[in-house]
Amino acid sequence: MRILRFLRSSVSVGKDIDYYSKFSPSPLSMKQFLDFGSENACEKTSFTFLRHELPVRLANIMKEINLLPDNLLRTPSVRLVQGWYMQSLQEILEFKDKNAGDEKVTYDFTDAVIRIRNRHNDVIPTMAQGVVEYKETHGTDPIVSQNVQYFLDRFYMSRISIRMLLNQHTLLFGGNVKVNPAHPKHIGSIDPNCSVSDVIRDAYENARNLCDRYYMNSPELILEEFKVQPITVVYVPSHLYHMVFELFKNAMRATMELYGDAMEYPPIHAQVALGTEDLTVKVSDRGGGVPLRKIDRLFTYTYSTAPRPSSDGARAAPLAGYGHGLPISRLYARYFQGDLKLYSLEGYGTDAVIYIRALSTESIERLPVYNKSAWKHYKTIQEADDWCVPSKEPKDMTTFRSF
């Protein structure tokens, strides 16, 4: 009987996924998030929007999960993530036809949103573990790696966007306190006057504590602001913190490992500049740099220079060593139409640059859409390169014969 109920439920969820994946997600700008939270914060309006938008975003990415290689889908970790997404979709759809004017309904909906947010806390490390399980059992090949990279970029971006919606609703309408006493001027998770330098200093201090624990020392920080002081921007401080913290960790590790037991270490430089279109943060180190051929690899999810941690079985393993730090930081930058780029001088050091849109009207969500173009990415067979691939050894021209 239980199996029959499960099969019926799976068929029903499959139909819901097919239906909602036909809709495209509705990207919001930072200004829209801000205006809604500050001027027109209405739980009923948020409920009406989310009960349709969340299933659309969930269904779009769930269609893509099903396009992954069968052996990857069968790994325990990926099946667990798939189960979380199916359960969350079902819970949201329970409110599809309920009366938005009923306070009990909106209260229950907020509870459901909090439940879903908590359920998805470990999605990233669990999915990372699934990829590791697949590689260890079945190995990998260029086509699978390309498809997994394409999928994870879209999957994690979708997760960032879904979490943004869940957090905004929860922080604005969850609980009895409508204003966060720790951050009274925040609109949900957004700070209308985010002090970039304060976030940078906070990220540096926490990265420095880690560095001190591991290496018993750490490089100093030199922070500069250009044009306006202090520089502020409408942004999500936790997103900026995530990016800068990752860059500081990498810069510190490179510096400490290059200089070893030296008495002094070259400082890490952070520069912040505000223009008419972009706010730019540059983190520079003198950790020896990275060869050009390895730059792109740093943004692949299966590449890491750190040893991979082992999972304790009870809780998903941490991200360190899974190769997820830089690629996910780049997704945070790209989420609101920014970017993160690396420029390296091998033998000297690396510059990491974060670009953020200066105007809140231009900071619009970047969201994946499931359509024919996305489907083709998973079905395309890798063709022969249309450029010559140089061999490792130069050709011996003395043996060359003309015809």
Protein backbone atom coordinates (compact mmCIF):
# COMPACT_ATOMS: atom_id res chain seq x y z
CA MET A 1 0.00 0.00 0.00
CA ARG A 2 2.85 2.36 0.89
CA ILE A 3 4.59 1.58 -2.43
CA LEU A 4 1.35 2.30 -4.32
CA ARG A 5 0.98 5.65 -2.58
CA PHE A 6 4.62 6.48 -3.41
CA LEU A 7 4.11 5.61 -7.10
CA ARG A 8 0.96 7.76 -7.28
CA SER A 9 2.80 10.61 -5.59
CA SER A 10 5.74 10.31 -8.01
CA VAL A 11 3.43 10.37 -11.04
CA SER A 12 1.62 13.41 -9.65
CA VAL A 13 4.89 15.28 -8.94
CA GLY A 14 6.12 14.39 -12.44
CA LYS A 15 3.04 16.03 -13.95
CA ASP A 16 3.50 19.12 -11.78
CA ILE A 17 7.16 19.39 -12.83
CA ASP A 18 6.16 19.13 -16.51
CA TYR A 19 3.49 21.81 -16.05
CA TYR A 20 5.50 24.39 -14.11
CA SER A 21 8.68 23.91 -16.17
CA LYS A 22 6.76 25.34 -19.15
CA PHE A 23 6.85 28.74 -17.42
CA SER A 24 9.97 30.90 -17.36
CA PRO A 25 11.13 32.23 -13.96
CA SER A 26 10.48 35.93 -13.31
CA PRO A 27 13.80 37.67 -12.49
CA LEU A 28 13.62 40.48 -9.94
CA SER A 29 15.94 43.45 -9.68
CA MET A 30 17.61 44.52 -6.47
CA LYS A 31 15.42 47.64 -6.58
CA GLN A 32 12.27 45.51 -6.78
CA PHE A 33 13.38 43.48 -3.76
CA LEU A 34 14.13 46.72 -1.96
CA ASP A 35 10.92 48.54 -2.90
CA PHE A 36 8.74 45.61 -1.96
CA GLY A 37 10.37 45.16 1.44
CA SER A 38 10.61 48.82 2.41
CA GLU A 39 7.41 50.40 1.07
CA ASN A 40 4.87 47.73 0.22
CA ALA A 41 5.81 44.84 2.49
CA CYS A 42 2.62 42.80 2.31
CA GLU A 43 2.62 39.14 3.33
CA LYS A 44 -0.40 38.43 1.14
CA THR A 45 1.37 39.80 -1.97
CA SER A 46 4.53 37.82 -1.21
CA PHE A 47 2.46 34.66 -0.68
CA THR A 48 0.64 35.12 -4.00
CA PHE A 49 3.92 35.63 -5.89
CA LEU A 50 5.91 32.84 -4.23
CA ARG A 51 3.27 30.11 -4.47
CA HIS A 52 3.64 30.34 -8.25
CA GLU A 53 7.27 31.49 -8.64
CA LEU A 54 8.84 28.89 -6.34
CA PRO A 55 7.29 25.90 -8.20
CA VAL A 56 8.44 27.45 -11.51
CA ARG A 57 12.05 27.81 -10.32
CA LEU A 58 12.05 24.36 -8.70
CA ALA A 59 10.50 22.64 -11.73
CA ASN A 60 12.82 24.28 -14.24
CA ILE A 61 15.93 22.96 -12.50
CA MET A 62 14.35 19.58 -11.64
CA LYS A 63 13.86 18.93 -15.36
CA GLU A 64 17.60 19.39 -15.80
CA ILE A 65 18.47 17.06 -12.91
CA ASN A 66 16.73 14.28 -14.84
CA LEU A 67 19.07 14.86 -17.82
CA LEU A 68 22.17 13.93 -15.80
CA PRO A 69 23.87 10.57 -16.52
CA ASP A 70 21.92 7.66 -14.99
CA ASN A 71 24.86 6.54 -12.88
CA LEU A 72 25.14 10.01 -11.35
CA LEU A 73 21.40 10.11 -10.65
CA ARG A 74 21.68 6.77 -8.83
CA THR A 75 24.27 7.97 -6.32
CA PRO A 76 22.81 8.20 -2.78
CA SER A 77 23.68 11.90 -2.43
CA VAL A 78 22.04 13.01 -5.69
CA ARG A 79 18.94 10.91 -4.92
CA LEU A 80 18.77 12.61 -1.52
CA VAL A 81 18.91 16.07 -3.13
CA GLN A 82 16.27 15.05 -5.68
CA GLY A 83 14.04 13.88 -2.83
CA TRP A 84 14.41 17.23 -1.04
CA TYR A 85 13.38 19.12 -4.17
CA MET A 86 10.36 16.87 -4.80
CA GLN A 87 9.20 17.23 -1.19
CA SER A 88 9.60 21.01 -1.27
CA LEU A 89 7.65 21.29 -4.53
CA GLN A 90 4.80 19.23 -3.06
CA GLU A 91 4.70 21.37 0.09
CA ILE A 92 4.48 24.63 -1.88
CA LEU A 93 1.79 23.24 -4.19
CA GLU A 94 -0.42 22.49 -1.17
CA PHE A 95 -1.08 26.27 -1.08
CA LYS A 96 -1.94 26.55 -4.79
CA ASP A 97 -5.68 27.05 -4.35
CA LYS A 98 -5.82 28.37 -0.79
CA ASN A 99 -7.27 31.76 0.11
CA ALA A 100 -4.54 34.42 0.25
CA GLY A 101 -6.73 36.56 2.49
CA ASP A 102 -6.80 33.94 5.27
CA GLU A 103 -4.22 34.81 7.95
CA LYS A 104 -3.94 31.14 8.98
CA VAL A 105 -2.99 30.23 5.39
CA THR A 106 -0.25 32.89 5.13
CA TYR A 107 1.04 31.90 8.58
CA ASP A 108 1.23 28.22 7.56
CA PHE A 109 2.89 29.22 4.28
CA THR A 110 5.64 31.12 6.12
CA ASP A 111 6.20 28.04 8.29
CA ALA A 112 6.48 25.91 5.14
CA VAL A 113 8.98 28.37 3.63
CA ILE A 114 11.15 28.17 6.76
CA ARG A 115 10.95 24.35 6.68
CA ILE A 116 12.00 24.27 3.02
CA ARG A 117 14.87 26.70 3.59
CA ASN A 118 16.21 24.55 6.45
CA ARG A 119 15.79 21.35 4.43
CA HIS A 120 17.96 22.77 1.65
CA ASN A 121 20.78 23.96 3.94
CA ASP A 122 23.13 21.17 2.87
CA VAL A 123 22.24 20.96 -0.82
CA ILE A 124 25.67 22.17 -2.05
CA PRO A 125 27.92 19.80 -0.02
CA THR A 126 25.51 16.90 -0.63
CA MET A 127 25.51 17.44 -4.39
CA ALA A 128 29.32 17.82 -4.27
CA GLN A 129 29.52 14.48 -2.48
CA GLY A 130 27.33 12.93 -5.20
CA VAL A 131 29.75 14.06 -7.91
CA VAL A 132 32.66 12.57 -5.93
CA GLU A 133 30.76 9.27 -5.49
CA TYR A 134 30.14 9.14 -9.24
CA LYS A 135 33.79 9.88 -10.14
CA GLU A 136 35.13 7.30 -7.70
CA THR A 137 32.82 4.56 -9.00
CA HIS A 138 32.59 5.28 -12.72
CA GLY A 139 35.47 7.62 -13.52
CA THR A 140 34.80 10.51 -15.86
CA ASP A 141 35.19 11.61 -19.45
CA PRO A 142 35.26 15.03 -21.20
CA ILE A 143 31.59 14.95 -22.26
CA VAL A 144 30.30 14.01 -18.79
CA SER A 145 32.58 16.58 -17.14
CA GLN A 146 31.33 19.28 -19.53
CA ASN A 147 27.69 18.40 -18.84
CA VAL A 148 28.22 18.25 -15.07
CA GLN A 149 29.96 21.65 -15.12
CA TYR A 150 27.10 23.15 -17.17
CA PHE A 151 24.48 21.60 -14.87
CA LEU A 152 26.13 22.58 -11.57
CA ASP A 153 26.53 26.20 -12.67
CA ARG A 154 22.80 26.33 -13.37
CA PHE A 155 21.75 24.19 -10.41
CA TYR A 156 23.69 26.25 -7.85
CA MET A 157 22.56 29.53 -9.44
CA SER A 158 18.97 28.31 -9.18
CA ARG A 159 19.57 27.43 -5.53
CA ILE A 160 20.99 30.90 -4.81
CA SER A 161 17.90 32.49 -6.36
CA ILE A 162 15.44 30.22 -4.54
CA ARG A 163 17.21 30.84 -1.25
CA MET A 164 17.07 34.59 -1.87
CA LEU A 165 13.26 34.40 -2.21
CA LEU A 166 12.92 32.15 0.85
CA ASN A 167 15.15 34.39 2.96
CA GLN A 168 13.37 37.59 1.95
CA HIS A 169 9.95 36.16 2.85
CA THR A 170 11.22 34.62 6.10
CA LEU A 171 13.09 37.72 7.30
CA LEU A 172 10.24 40.08 6.40
CA PHE A 173 7.30 38.03 7.67
CA GLY A 174 8.63 35.19 9.84
CA GLY A 175 8.56 35.59 13.61
CA ASN A 176 7.15 38.33 15.80
CA VAL A 177 9.96 40.85 15.29
CA LYS A 178 9.60 42.66 11.97
CA VAL A 179 12.92 44.51 12.29
CA ASN A 180 16.15 42.59 12.78
CA PRO A 181 17.73 44.16 15.90
CA ALA A 182 21.23 43.19 14.70
CA HIS A 183 20.66 44.89 11.32
CA PRO A 184 17.75 47.34 11.73
CA LYS A 185 18.29 49.00 8.33
CA HIS A 186 18.36 45.77 6.34
CA ILE A 187 15.43 44.96 4.04
CA GLY A 188 15.33 41.22 4.54
CA SER A 189 18.84 40.09 3.60
CA ILE A 190 19.60 43.28 1.60
CA ASP A 191 21.52 46.22 3.02
CA PRO A 192 20.52 49.45 1.18
CA ASN A 193 23.82 51.00 2.31
CA CYS A 194 26.19 48.05 2.41
CA SER A 195 29.64 49.26 3.49
CA VAL A 196 31.96 47.32 1.20
CA SER A 197 35.06 47.95 3.32
CA ASP A 198 33.35 46.71 6.49
CA VAL A 199 32.43 43.43 4.78
CA ILE A 200 35.97 43.09 3.41
CA ARG A 201 37.52 43.65 6.86
CA ASP A 202 35.13 41.14 8.44
CA ALA A 203 35.95 38.51 5.79
CA TYR A 204 39.68 39.18 6.17
CA GLU A 205 39.63 38.77 9.96
CA ASN A 206 37.79 35.45 9.75
CA ALA A 207 40.07 34.16 6.99
CA ARG A 208 43.05 35.35 9.03
CA ASN A 209 41.88 33.38 12.07
CA LEU A 210 41.78 30.22 9.95
CA CYS A 211 45.22 31.00 8.52
CA ASP A 212 46.71 31.63 11.97
CA ARG A 213 45.34 28.32 13.23
CA TYR A 214 46.77 26.36 10.31
CA TYR A 215 50.05 28.18 9.56
CA MET A 216 50.65 29.93 12.91
CA ASN A 217 50.93 33.23 11.02
CA SER A 218 49.18 35.26 8.33
CA PRO A 219 49.76 38.13 5.87
CA GLU A 220 48.52 41.62 6.71
CA LEU A 221 45.80 43.48 4.78
CA ILE A 222 46.21 46.83 3.03
CA LEU A 223 42.78 48.20 2.10
CA GLU A 224 42.21 51.20 -0.17
CA GLU A 225 39.07 52.95 -1.39
CA PHE A 226 38.96 55.18 -4.44
CA LYS A 227 36.74 58.15 -5.35
CA VAL A 228 34.18 58.00 -2.54
CA GLN A 229 34.81 57.14 1.08
CA PRO A 230 33.18 55.11 2.50
CA ILE A 231 31.89 53.26 -0.57
CA THR A 232 28.40 51.81 -0.14
CA VAL A 233 26.14 49.82 -2.47
CA VAL A 234 22.70 48.21 -2.40
CA TYR A 235 23.67 44.56 -1.99
CA VAL A 236 23.35 41.34 -0.01
CA PRO A 237 26.25 41.50 2.51
CA SER A 238 26.35 37.71 2.94
CA HIS A 239 26.92 37.27 -0.82
CA LEU A 240 29.78 39.78 -0.86
CA TYR A 241 31.24 38.23 2.29
CA HIS A 242 31.15 34.74 0.72
CA MET A 243 33.10 35.95 -2.33
CA VAL A 244 35.73 38.00 -0.50
CA PHE A 245 36.26 35.38 2.22
CA GLU A 246 36.98 32.76 -0.46
CA LEU A 247 39.46 35.08 -2.20
CA PHE A 248 41.25 35.86 1.07
CA LYS A 249 41.52 32.15 1.95
CA ASN A 250 43.09 31.38 -1.43
CA ALA A 251 45.43 34.39 -1.27
CA MET A 252 46.59 33.55 2.26
CA ARG A 253 47.19 29.90 1.47
CA ALA A 254 49.22 30.74 -1.65
CA THR A 255 51.29 33.34 0.23
CA MET A 256 52.01 31.14 3.25
CA GLU A 257 52.95 28.10 1.17
CA LEU A 258 55.24 30.11 -1.11
CA TYR A 259 57.13 31.89 1.68
CA GLY A 260 57.14 28.99 4.15
CA ASP A 261 58.80 29.83 7.47
CA ALA A 262 59.77 33.39 6.54
CA MET A 263 59.65 35.98 9.30
CA GLU A 264 57.66 38.42 7.16
CA TYR A 265 55.05 37.87 4.48
CA PRO A 266 54.01 40.25 1.70
CA PRO A 267 50.63 41.82 2.54
CA ILE A 268 47.40 41.17 0.67
CA HIS A 269 46.07 44.29 -1.06
CA ALA A 270 42.33 44.95 -1.39
CA GLN A 271 41.14 47.89 -3.48
CA VAL A 272 37.57 49.15 -3.85
CA ALA A 273 36.48 51.51 -6.63
CA LEU A 274 33.05 52.91 -7.51
CA GLY A 275 32.24 54.03 -11.04
CA THR A 276 29.02 55.02 -12.81
CA GLU A 277 28.24 51.42 -13.80
CA ASP A 278 30.38 49.10 -11.67
CA LEU A 279 31.59 48.72 -8.14
CA THR A 280 34.88 46.79 -8.31
CA VAL A 281 36.77 44.93 -5.59
CA LYS A 282 40.29 43.72 -6.36
CA VAL A 283 42.19 41.32 -4.07
CA SER A 284 45.89 41.01 -4.91
CA ASP A 285 48.46 38.63 -3.46
CA ARG A 286 52.11 37.76 -4.04
CA GLY A 287 51.62 34.03 -3.67
CA GLY A 288 53.42 32.99 -6.83
CA GLY A 289 50.52 33.09 -9.26
CA VAL A 290 48.96 30.36 -11.40
CA PRO A 291 49.95 29.20 -14.90
CA LEU A 292 47.58 30.34 -17.67
CA ARG A 293 46.58 26.75 -18.51
CA LYS A 294 45.26 26.27 -14.95
CA ILE A 295 43.15 29.44 -14.66
CA ASP A 296 40.03 27.91 -16.24
CA ARG A 297 40.45 24.76 -14.15
CA LEU A 298 40.11 26.80 -10.96
CA PHE A 299 36.46 27.41 -11.85
CA THR A 300 35.61 23.74 -12.44
CA TYR A 301 33.74 21.93 -9.67
CA THR A 302 35.88 18.81 -9.80
CA TYR A 303 39.22 20.62 -9.43
CA SER A 304 40.79 21.47 -6.09
CA THR A 305 44.35 22.05 -4.90
CA ALA A 306 43.36 21.20 -1.33
CA PRO A 307 43.04 17.60 -0.03
CA ARG A 308 39.46 16.36 -0.12
CA PRO A 309 37.86 15.90 3.31
CA SER A 310 36.16 12.65 4.22
CA SER A 311 32.45 12.58 4.97
CA ASP A 312 31.51 11.59 8.51
CA GLY A 313 28.30 9.97 7.30
CA ALA A 314 26.09 11.88 9.75
CA ARG A 315 26.37 15.23 8.08
CA ALA A 316 27.46 16.38 4.64
CA ALA A 317 31.16 17.07 4.30
CA PRO A 318 32.50 20.63 4.22
CA LEU A 319 33.24 22.32 0.92
CA ALA A 320 37.00 22.65 1.40
CA GLY A 321 38.72 20.27 -0.98
CA TYR A 322 35.70 19.78 -3.22
CA GLY A 323 36.69 22.52 -5.66
CA HIS A 324 33.44 24.44 -5.09
CA GLY A 325 34.78 27.62 -3.48
CA LEU A 326 35.73 29.72 -6.51
CA PRO A 327 33.01 28.56 -8.94
CA ILE A 328 30.26 29.24 -6.41
CA SER A 329 31.78 32.62 -5.53
CA ARG A 330 31.63 33.48 -9.23
CA LEU A 331 27.95 32.48 -9.29
CA TYR A 332 27.24 34.85 -6.38
CA ALA A 333 28.87 37.63 -8.39
CA ARG A 334 26.96 36.73 -11.56
CA TYR A 335 23.62 36.32 -9.77
CA PHE A 336 22.97 40.06 -9.91
CA GLN A 337 24.71 40.56 -13.31
CA GLY A 338 28.23 41.00 -11.94
CA ASP A 339 31.26 38.73 -12.38
CA LEU A 340 34.42 37.38 -10.78
CA LYS A 341 37.65 37.09 -12.77
CA LEU A 342 41.21 35.98 -12.08
CA TYR A 343 44.33 37.56 -13.58
CA SER A 344 47.60 35.86 -12.72
CA LEU A 345 51.30 36.65 -13.11
CA GLU A 346 52.95 33.28 -12.71
CA GLY A 347 56.04 33.67 -10.56
CA TYR A 348 54.63 36.73 -8.79
CA GLY A 349 50.98 36.65 -7.70
CA THR A 350 47.29 36.80 -8.58
CA ASP A 351 44.68 39.53 -8.89
CA ALA A 352 41.08 38.46 -8.25
CA VAL A 353 38.47 41.01 -9.32
CA ILE A 354 34.81 41.12 -8.27
CA TYR A 355 32.46 43.23 -10.39
CA ILE A 356 29.13 44.37 -8.91
CA ARG A 357 26.50 46.53 -10.63
CA ALA A 358 26.56 50.00 -9.07
CA LEU A 359 22.86 50.65 -9.76
CA SER A 360 20.14 48.62 -8.04
CA THR A 361 17.96 48.89 -11.17
CA GLU A 362 20.70 47.11 -13.18
CA SER A 363 21.24 44.37 -10.55
CA ILE A 364 18.75 41.88 -11.96
CA GLU A 365 18.63 38.17 -11.12
CA ARG A 366 20.36 35.87 -13.60
CA LEU A 367 18.21 32.74 -13.72
CA PRO A 368 18.49 29.43 -15.61
CA VAL A 369 15.55 28.47 -17.85
CA TYR A 370 14.80 24.94 -18.99
CA ASN A 371 14.15 24.97 -22.74
CA LYS A 372 15.38 23.39 -25.98
CA SER A 373 18.70 25.22 -25.82
CA ALA A 374 19.37 23.85 -22.32
CA TRP A 375 18.27 20.35 -23.37
CA LYS A 376 20.69 20.40 -26.33
CA HIS A 377 23.63 21.09 -24.03
CA TYR A 378 23.13 17.70 -22.40
CA LYS A 379 22.63 15.86 -25.69
CA THR A 380 25.45 17.37 -27.78
CA ILE A 381 28.20 14.94 -28.67
CA GLN A 382 31.70 16.33 -28.46
CA GLU A 383 33.13 16.78 -31.93
CA ALA A 384 36.73 16.90 -33.09
CA ASP A 385 38.55 20.16 -32.36
CA ASP A 386 38.68 22.50 -35.36
CA TRP A 387 42.07 23.85 -34.22
CA CYS A 388 45.37 21.99 -34.27
CA VAL A 389 46.20 20.46 -30.91
CA PRO A 390 49.96 20.75 -30.34
CA SER A 391 51.78 17.61 -29.27
CA LYS A 392 53.89 17.76 -26.12
CA GLU A 393 57.09 17.06 -28.07
CA PRO A 394 58.08 19.18 -31.10
CA LYS A 395 58.01 17.36 -34.41
CA ASP A 396 61.40 16.12 -35.72
CA MET A 397 61.54 17.89 -39.08
CA THR A 398 64.47 15.73 -40.26
CA THR A 399 62.10 12.79 -40.60
CA PHE A 400 59.50 14.83 -42.51
CA ARG A 401 58.98 13.58 -46.07
CA SER A 402 57.25 15.55 -48.80
CA PHE A 403 54.95 13.81 -51.23
